[in-house]
């Protein structure tokens, strides 16, 4: 059975998608959740 030798990123990077946009979207969602949580917590403490 023939097995190809993989050398670094040459054969692997061609198939991986660019996920920078996904990371930015996740960071925006996380920031929204944290800000919302602290906003509700602030309203709770102020009462």
N, C-alpha and C. Protein backbone atom coordinates (compact mmCIF):
# COMPACT_ATOMS: atom_id res chain seq x y z
N UNK A 1 0.84 -1.18 0.00
CA UNK A 1 0.00 0.00 0.00
C UNK A 1 0.88 1.24 0.00
N UNK A 2 0.58 2.19 -0.85
CA UNK A 2 1.37 3.41 -0.98
C UNK A 2 0.86 4.47 -0.01
N UNK A 3 1.77 5.05 0.77
CA UNK A 3 1.40 6.12 1.69
C UNK A 3 2.22 7.35 1.35
N UNK A 4 1.55 8.45 1.09
CA UNK A 4 2.25 9.68 0.74
C UNK A 4 2.82 10.33 1.99
N UNK A 5 4.01 10.86 1.85
CA UNK A 5 4.65 11.54 2.96
C UNK A 5 4.21 13.00 2.96
N UNK A 6 3.66 13.45 4.08
CA UNK A 6 3.22 14.82 4.18
C UNK A 6 4.36 15.68 4.69
N UNK A 7 4.61 16.77 4.01
CA UNK A 7 5.70 17.65 4.41
C UNK A 7 5.12 18.99 4.85
N UNK A 8 5.03 19.20 6.13
CA UNK A 8 4.60 20.49 6.69
C UNK A 8 3.22 20.90 6.26
N UNK A 9 3.12 22.17 5.81
CA UNK A 9 1.83 22.75 5.48
C UNK A 9 1.49 22.66 4.00
N UNK A 10 2.35 22.09 3.20
CA UNK A 10 2.11 22.12 1.76
C UNK A 10 0.84 21.38 1.38
N UNK A 11 0.64 20.18 1.87
CA UNK A 11 -0.55 19.42 1.48
C UNK A 11 -1.73 19.67 2.40
N UNK A 12 -1.50 20.17 3.59
CA UNK A 12 -2.57 20.34 4.56
C UNK A 12 -3.22 21.71 4.47
N UNK A 13 -2.46 22.76 4.19
CA UNK A 13 -3.02 24.11 4.21
C UNK A 13 -3.92 24.39 3.02
N UNK A 14 -3.80 23.64 1.95
CA UNK A 14 -4.64 23.87 0.78
C UNK A 14 -6.09 23.49 1.06
N UNK A 15 -6.33 22.66 2.04
CA UNK A 15 -7.69 22.19 2.32
C UNK A 15 -8.32 22.85 3.54
N UNK A 16 -7.56 23.63 4.29
CA UNK A 16 -8.11 24.27 5.48
C UNK A 16 -8.72 25.62 5.12
N UNK A 17 -9.95 25.88 5.54
CA UNK A 17 -10.57 27.17 5.25
C UNK A 17 -10.01 28.27 6.16
N UNK A 18 -10.17 29.50 5.74
CA UNK A 18 -9.74 30.64 6.53
C UNK A 18 -10.82 30.93 7.58
N UNK A 19 -10.47 30.84 8.86
CA UNK A 19 -11.46 30.96 9.93
C UNK A 19 -11.35 32.27 10.70
N UNK A 20 -10.67 33.26 10.14
CA UNK A 20 -10.54 34.54 10.85
C UNK A 20 -11.90 35.21 11.03
N UNK A 21 -12.75 35.15 10.03
CA UNK A 21 -14.08 35.74 10.14
C UNK A 21 -14.93 35.05 11.18
N UNK A 22 -14.77 33.75 11.30
CA UNK A 22 -15.51 32.99 12.31
C UNK A 22 -15.07 33.40 13.70
N UNK A 23 -13.77 33.58 13.89
CA UNK A 23 -13.27 33.99 15.20
C UNK A 23 -13.78 35.38 15.57
N UNK A 24 -13.81 36.30 14.61
CA UNK A 24 -14.32 37.65 14.87
C UNK A 24 -15.80 37.59 15.25
N UNK A 25 -16.57 36.77 14.54
CA UNK A 25 -18.01 36.65 14.84
C UNK A 25 -18.22 36.07 16.24
N UNK A 26 -17.43 35.07 16.61
CA UNK A 26 -17.55 34.48 17.94
C UNK A 26 -17.18 35.50 19.02
N UNK A 27 -16.15 36.30 18.75
CA UNK A 27 -15.77 37.33 19.72
C UNK A 27 -16.88 38.38 19.89
N UNK A 28 -17.53 38.76 18.79
CA UNK A 28 -18.65 39.71 18.89
C UNK A 28 -19.81 39.13 19.70
N UNK A 29 -20.13 37.87 19.48
CA UNK A 29 -21.20 37.22 20.24
C UNK A 29 -20.82 37.12 21.71
N UNK A 30 -19.57 36.76 22.00
CA UNK A 30 -19.12 36.67 23.39
C UNK A 30 -19.17 38.04 24.06
N UNK A 31 -18.73 39.08 23.36
CA UNK A 31 -18.77 40.43 23.93
C UNK A 31 -20.21 40.85 24.21
N UNK A 32 -21.13 40.53 23.28
CA UNK A 32 -22.54 40.86 23.48
C UNK A 32 -23.09 40.15 24.71
N UNK A 33 -22.77 38.88 24.87
CA UNK A 33 -23.26 38.14 26.03
C UNK A 33 -22.70 38.69 27.33
N UNK A 34 -21.43 39.03 27.36
CA UNK A 34 -20.82 39.55 28.58
C UNK A 34 -21.40 40.92 28.92
N UNK A 35 -21.53 41.79 27.91
CA UNK A 35 -22.11 43.12 28.17
C UNK A 35 -23.55 43.00 28.63
N UNK A 36 -24.31 42.11 28.00
CA UNK A 36 -25.71 41.91 28.41
C UNK A 36 -25.79 41.38 29.83
N UNK A 37 -24.91 40.43 30.17
CA UNK A 37 -24.94 39.86 31.51
C UNK A 37 -24.64 40.92 32.56
N UNK A 38 -23.61 41.73 32.31
CA UNK A 38 -23.28 42.78 33.27
C UNK A 38 -24.36 43.86 33.31
N UNK A 39 -25.03 44.10 32.20
CA UNK A 39 -26.14 45.07 32.21
C UNK A 39 -27.29 44.58 33.07
N UNK A 40 -27.68 43.35 32.92
CA UNK A 40 -28.77 42.79 33.75
C UNK A 40 -28.34 42.71 35.19
N UNK A 41 -27.09 42.34 35.44
CA UNK A 41 -26.58 42.28 36.82
C UNK A 41 -26.59 43.67 37.46
N UNK A 42 -26.22 44.69 36.67
CA UNK A 42 -26.26 46.06 37.17
C UNK A 42 -27.66 46.50 37.52
N UNK A 43 -28.63 46.15 36.68
CA UNK A 43 -30.02 46.48 36.98
C UNK A 43 -30.47 45.77 38.25
N UNK A 44 -30.08 44.52 38.43
CA UNK A 44 -30.43 43.76 39.61
C UNK A 44 -29.84 44.39 40.87
N UNK A 45 -28.58 44.80 40.79
CA UNK A 45 -27.91 45.39 41.96
C UNK A 45 -28.49 46.76 42.29
N UNK A 46 -28.90 47.52 41.26
CA UNK A 46 -29.42 48.86 41.48
C UNK A 46 -30.78 48.87 42.15
N UNK A 47 -31.51 47.78 42.06
CA UNK A 47 -32.85 47.75 42.65
C UNK A 47 -32.80 47.55 44.12
